[in-house]
Amino acid sequence: MTLLIDRSNNNAADSYTAAHKAGVTHAYFKATDGTSFVDATYKDRMARAQKAGIIVGAYHFAEHGDPIAEADHFLSIIGTPRAGHLRPCLDLEEGQDAAWASAFVRHVQEKLGYWPVLYGSTSQIPAVRAGSGSARACPWWRAEYGPNDGGRHPLTGGDMGAAAHQYTSIAHIPGVDGDTDASVFLSQPAVMLVPSTRPKWRRPKGGVAVSWVGGDGKPRSGTFRGLGWFQFRHPRAWWRGTVTSKPRKKP
């Protein structure tokens, strides 16, 4: 079982070790609200959930102030999320339009280099996405409770492009105090994770010119063709060298 939950200062303390054993694999925690509020339980919940093996992320509860100021407040608290964690999320409830949401998510994208997650209901988010290409670029975490009886219920009429489905607000999960929201992923969870920024090394065509000092102490040069990190073939032995010049072109 793979479950995504979300918790905030409105909830009691939880045992994330027990929750993880019960199938909770991902969790969002409220970090900020508006332009000044900071959830006092945020850092502790994040640390305990991560220690329990849960993939974690932070969300911002949107108010009706300046979207740029709210985004900056959010980012100032969460810092730079680690690759593989859940992407920062904008919890959009009622009253913000497409222009407001666009300004917030674009600012986050400009600061972090990737789009945040957009959370909201079926009654609100489709209109926001229809009026904003930036909102459409964000993975949508869709709140659609249906019977809201704690069980899993499929979406009616298709997923509308959502990445995750929050299907209940009254789930009972071991280790999680009281009723809680629970969600399942509608696509691969990776779409809602912070992407890796590690550059990919590609072997240039024709190899890379290298130089080294041989076992006899004499300098040598050759072409590294990807036989191993800083290793290359010598007619009589294996040597280690260091890239010292630009890739050679094929003759």
Protein backbone atom coordinates (compact mmCIF):
# COMPACT_ATOMS: atom_id res chain seq x y z
CA MET A 1 0.00 0.00 0.00
CA THR A 2 1.23 3.49 -0.90
CA LEU A 3 -0.35 6.42 0.89
CA LEU A 4 0.21 10.17 0.98
CA ILE A 5 -0.97 12.07 4.05
CA ASP A 6 -0.82 15.72 5.09
CA ARG A 7 -0.54 17.12 8.60
CA SER A 8 -0.29 20.52 10.28
CA ASN A 9 -0.41 22.31 13.61
CA ASN A 10 -4.14 21.52 13.64
CA ASN A 11 -3.30 17.86 14.24
CA ALA A 12 -1.91 16.11 17.27
CA ALA A 13 1.50 14.48 17.34
CA ASP A 14 1.85 11.24 15.38
CA SER A 15 4.01 8.13 15.35
CA TYR A 16 5.43 8.19 11.85
CA THR A 17 7.23 4.90 12.40
CA ALA A 18 3.88 3.19 12.92
CA ALA A 19 2.34 5.12 10.03
CA HIS A 20 5.14 4.04 7.70
CA LYS A 21 4.68 0.41 8.69
CA ALA A 22 0.95 0.83 7.92
CA GLY A 23 1.69 1.98 4.36
CA VAL A 24 2.28 5.73 4.56
CA THR A 25 5.13 6.38 2.14
CA HIS A 26 4.80 10.14 1.56
CA ALA A 27 3.72 13.06 3.75
CA TYR A 28 3.20 16.78 3.32
CA PHE A 29 3.49 19.09 6.31
CA LYS A 30 2.26 22.64 6.55
CA ALA A 31 5.12 25.12 6.76
CA THR A 32 3.55 28.54 6.29
CA ASP A 33 0.33 30.48 5.91
CA GLY A 34 0.01 33.92 4.32
CA THR A 35 3.01 36.22 4.72
CA SER A 36 3.92 35.77 8.39
CA PHE A 37 2.57 32.57 9.94
CA VAL A 38 4.97 29.65 10.47
CA ASP A 39 3.72 26.25 11.62
CA ALA A 40 5.60 25.58 14.87
CA THR A 41 5.30 21.79 14.37
CA TYR A 42 6.69 21.77 10.82
CA LYS A 43 10.40 21.09 11.38
CA ASP A 44 9.83 18.46 14.07
CA ARG A 45 7.25 16.58 11.98
CA MET A 46 9.51 16.67 8.93
CA ALA A 47 12.47 15.32 10.87
CA ARG A 48 10.53 12.52 12.57
CA ALA A 49 8.75 11.42 9.41
CA GLN A 50 11.96 11.42 7.41
CA LYS A 51 13.72 9.40 10.10
CA ALA A 52 10.88 6.86 9.89
CA GLY A 53 11.54 6.42 6.15
CA ILE A 54 8.73 8.60 4.80
CA ILE A 55 9.34 10.88 1.81
CA VAL A 56 8.46 14.37 3.00
CA GLY A 57 7.51 17.77 1.63
CA ALA A 58 6.20 21.18 2.69
CA TYR A 59 3.06 23.06 1.75
CA HIS A 60 1.92 26.68 1.97
CA PHE A 61 -1.66 27.60 2.80
CA ALA A 62 -2.63 30.44 0.48
CA GLU A 63 -4.28 33.54 1.90
CA HIS A 64 -5.39 36.62 -0.05
CA GLY A 65 -2.28 38.78 0.17
CA ASP A 66 0.48 39.48 -2.33
CA PRO A 67 1.30 36.13 -4.00
CA ILE A 68 4.98 37.03 -4.41
CA ALA A 69 5.29 37.96 -0.75
CA GLU A 70 3.57 34.72 0.25
CA ALA A 71 5.88 32.69 -2.00
CA ASP A 72 8.97 34.40 -0.56
CA HIS A 73 7.76 33.77 2.98
CA PHE A 74 7.24 30.09 2.16
CA LEU A 75 10.65 29.71 0.53
CA SER A 76 12.40 31.50 3.39
CA ILE A 77 11.16 28.81 5.78
CA ILE A 78 11.62 25.67 3.70
CA GLY A 79 14.99 26.59 2.18
CA THR A 80 16.15 24.45 -0.74
CA PRO A 81 14.31 21.11 -0.77
CA ARG A 82 16.44 18.04 -1.34
CA ALA A 83 16.22 16.05 -4.55
CA GLY A 84 13.86 13.12 -4.06
CA HIS A 85 11.69 14.91 -1.49
CA LEU A 86 8.16 15.99 -2.36
CA ARG A 87 8.06 19.25 -4.27
CA PRO A 88 6.89 22.34 -2.39
CA CYS A 89 3.11 22.60 -2.63
CA LEU A 90 0.64 25.49 -2.85
CA ASP A 91 -2.60 24.71 -1.02
CA LEU A 92 -5.15 26.76 -2.92
CA GLU A 93 -8.52 26.85 -1.21
CA GLU A 94 -11.15 29.45 -2.15
CA GLY A 95 -10.89 32.99 -3.45
CA GLN A 96 -7.59 33.02 -5.37
CA ASP A 97 -7.90 33.26 -9.15
CA ALA A 98 -5.69 32.02 -11.97
CA ALA A 99 -3.61 35.21 -11.96
CA TRP A 100 -2.87 34.87 -8.25
CA ALA A 101 -1.91 31.21 -8.55
CA SER A 102 0.20 31.89 -11.63
CA ALA A 103 2.20 34.61 -9.89
CA PHE A 104 2.90 32.34 -6.90
CA VAL A 105 3.95 29.22 -8.83
CA ARG A 106 6.00 31.18 -11.39
CA HIS A 107 7.94 32.86 -8.59
CA VAL A 108 8.66 29.49 -6.97
CA GLN A 109 9.72 28.05 -10.33
CA GLU A 110 12.07 30.97 -10.94
CA LYS A 111 13.67 30.50 -7.52
CA LEU A 112 13.93 26.69 -7.48
CA GLY A 113 14.11 25.77 -11.14
CA TYR A 114 11.07 23.50 -11.21
CA TRP A 115 7.30 23.84 -10.79
CA PRO A 116 5.69 23.30 -7.39
CA VAL A 117 2.68 21.06 -6.77
CA LEU A 118 -0.75 22.68 -6.89
CA TYR A 119 -3.30 21.35 -4.41
CA GLY A 120 -7.02 22.01 -4.66
CA SER A 121 -10.49 20.71 -5.31
CA THR A 122 -12.15 19.65 -8.54
CA SER A 123 -14.54 22.59 -8.18
CA GLN A 124 -11.71 25.16 -8.19
CA ILE A 125 -8.49 24.00 -9.81
CA PRO A 126 -9.74 23.15 -13.34
CA ALA A 127 -10.75 26.80 -13.80
CA VAL A 128 -7.36 27.95 -12.51
CA ARG A 129 -5.55 25.54 -14.84
CA ALA A 130 -7.69 26.59 -17.79
CA GLY A 131 -6.70 30.23 -17.23
CA SER A 132 -3.00 29.72 -16.58
CA GLY A 133 -0.31 27.82 -18.46
CA SER A 134 1.87 28.07 -15.35
CA ALA A 135 -0.79 26.34 -13.25
CA ARG A 136 -1.12 23.61 -15.88
CA ALA A 137 2.64 23.03 -15.67
CA CYS A 138 2.31 22.16 -11.97
CA PRO A 139 1.49 18.61 -10.87
CA TRP A 140 -2.07 18.71 -9.55
CA TRP A 141 -2.86 17.08 -6.20
CA ARG A 142 -6.61 16.76 -6.52
CA ALA A 143 -9.02 16.87 -3.55
CA GLU A 144 -12.08 14.83 -4.50
CA TYR A 145 -13.58 13.09 -1.48
CA GLY A 146 -16.64 11.43 -3.00
CA PRO A 147 -18.42 9.46 -0.22
CA ASN A 148 -15.68 10.52 2.23
CA ASP A 149 -16.09 7.37 4.27
CA GLY A 150 -12.40 6.57 4.63
CA GLY A 151 -12.33 3.99 1.86
CA ARG A 152 -10.77 4.19 -1.59
CA HIS A 153 -13.15 5.35 -4.27
CA PRO A 154 -12.22 5.79 -7.92
CA LEU A 155 -12.61 9.16 -9.53
CA THR A 156 -15.63 9.53 -11.76
CA GLY A 157 -15.17 11.03 -15.20
CA GLY A 158 -11.41 10.49 -15.33
CA ASP A 159 -8.52 11.98 -13.41
CA MET A 160 -8.52 15.26 -15.44
CA GLY A 161 -4.73 15.18 -15.53
CA ALA A 162 -4.23 15.06 -11.76
CA ALA A 163 -1.08 13.44 -10.35
CA ALA A 164 -2.59 12.42 -7.00
CA HIS A 165 -6.08 11.97 -5.55
CA GLN A 166 -7.04 12.95 -2.01
CA TYR A 167 -10.00 10.63 -1.61
CA THR A 168 -10.96 11.07 2.05
CA SER A 169 -10.59 13.35 5.06
CA ILE A 170 -11.47 10.71 7.66
CA ALA A 171 -8.95 7.96 7.11
CA HIS A 172 -7.85 5.97 10.17
CA ILE A 173 -4.18 5.05 9.94
CA PRO A 174 -2.11 3.40 12.71
CA GLY A 175 0.20 5.97 14.28
CA VAL A 176 -1.78 8.93 12.92
CA ASP A 177 -3.96 10.61 15.50
CA GLY A 178 -7.70 10.84 14.73
CA ASP A 179 -9.23 11.37 11.29
CA THR A 180 -6.81 12.38 8.56
CA ASP A 181 -6.67 13.18 4.88
CA ALA A 182 -5.35 10.35 2.73
CA SER A 183 -4.30 10.35 -0.92
CA VAL A 184 -3.11 7.93 -3.57
CA PHE A 185 -0.94 8.66 -6.60
CA LEU A 186 -2.63 8.56 -9.99
CA SER A 187 0.67 8.54 -11.86
CA GLN A 188 4.22 7.69 -10.88
CA PRO A 189 5.12 9.50 -7.61
CA ALA A 190 8.27 10.85 -9.29
CA VAL A 191 6.24 13.60 -10.99
CA MET A 192 5.67 15.16 -7.56
CA LEU A 193 9.27 14.82 -6.38
CA VAL A 194 12.06 17.39 -6.44
CA PRO A 195 14.17 16.61 -9.54
CA SER A 196 17.87 15.93 -9.28
CA THR A 197 20.15 18.82 -10.22
CA ARG A 198 23.25 16.64 -10.53
CA PRO A 199 24.76 17.15 -13.97
CA LYS A 200 25.01 14.07 -16.15
CA TRP A 201 28.48 13.26 -17.46
CA ARG A 202 28.50 12.23 -21.08
CA ARG A 203 31.49 10.75 -22.83
CA PRO A 204 32.40 12.97 -25.77
CA LYS A 205 32.60 11.38 -29.17
CA GLY A 206 36.17 10.47 -30.02
CA GLY A 207 37.23 10.30 -26.37
CA VAL A 208 38.94 12.79 -24.10
CA ALA A 209 42.61 13.72 -24.26
CA VAL A 210 44.40 12.80 -21.02
CA SER A 211 47.93 12.86 -19.67
CA TRP A 212 49.55 10.88 -16.89
CA VAL A 213 52.83 9.84 -15.39
CA GLY A 214 53.75 6.24 -16.11
CA GLY A 215 55.19 3.74 -13.70
CA ASP A 216 58.66 4.63 -14.90
CA GLY A 217 58.10 8.27 -14.01
CA LYS A 218 57.87 9.44 -17.63
CA PRO A 219 54.95 11.61 -18.82
CA ARG A 220 52.53 10.04 -21.26
CA SER A 221 49.36 11.02 -23.06
CA GLY A 222 46.45 9.18 -24.58
CA THR A 223 42.71 9.17 -25.14
CA PHE A 224 40.19 8.31 -22.43
CA ARG A 225 37.29 6.37 -23.99
CA GLY A 226 35.11 5.64 -20.98
CA LEU A 227 36.67 2.41 -19.70
CA GLY A 228 36.25 3.70 -16.14
CA TRP A 229 36.44 6.92 -14.18
CA PHE A 230 39.90 8.39 -15.00
CA GLN A 231 41.13 5.02 -16.24
CA PHE A 232 42.36 4.18 -19.71
CA ARG A 233 44.00 1.29 -21.52
CA HIS A 234 47.79 1.20 -21.87
CA PRO A 235 49.46 -1.44 -24.05
CA ARG A 236 51.21 -2.99 -21.07
CA ALA A 237 49.30 -2.02 -17.96
CA TRP A 238 46.40 -0.12 -16.37
CA TRP A 239 47.11 3.46 -15.39
CA ARG A 240 45.26 6.26 -13.72
CA GLY A 241 45.24 9.74 -15.18
CA THR A 242 43.45 13.06 -15.12
CA VAL A 243 41.55 14.86 -17.87
CA THR A 244 43.67 17.85 -18.86
CA SER A 245 42.34 19.10 -22.18
CA LYS A 246 39.33 19.34 -24.46
CA PRO A 247 37.78 16.31 -26.19
CA ARG A 248 39.62 15.14 -29.25
CA LYS A 249 37.73 15.08 -32.48
CA LYS A 250 37.58 11.96 -34.53
CA PRO A 251 40.00 12.07 -37.49
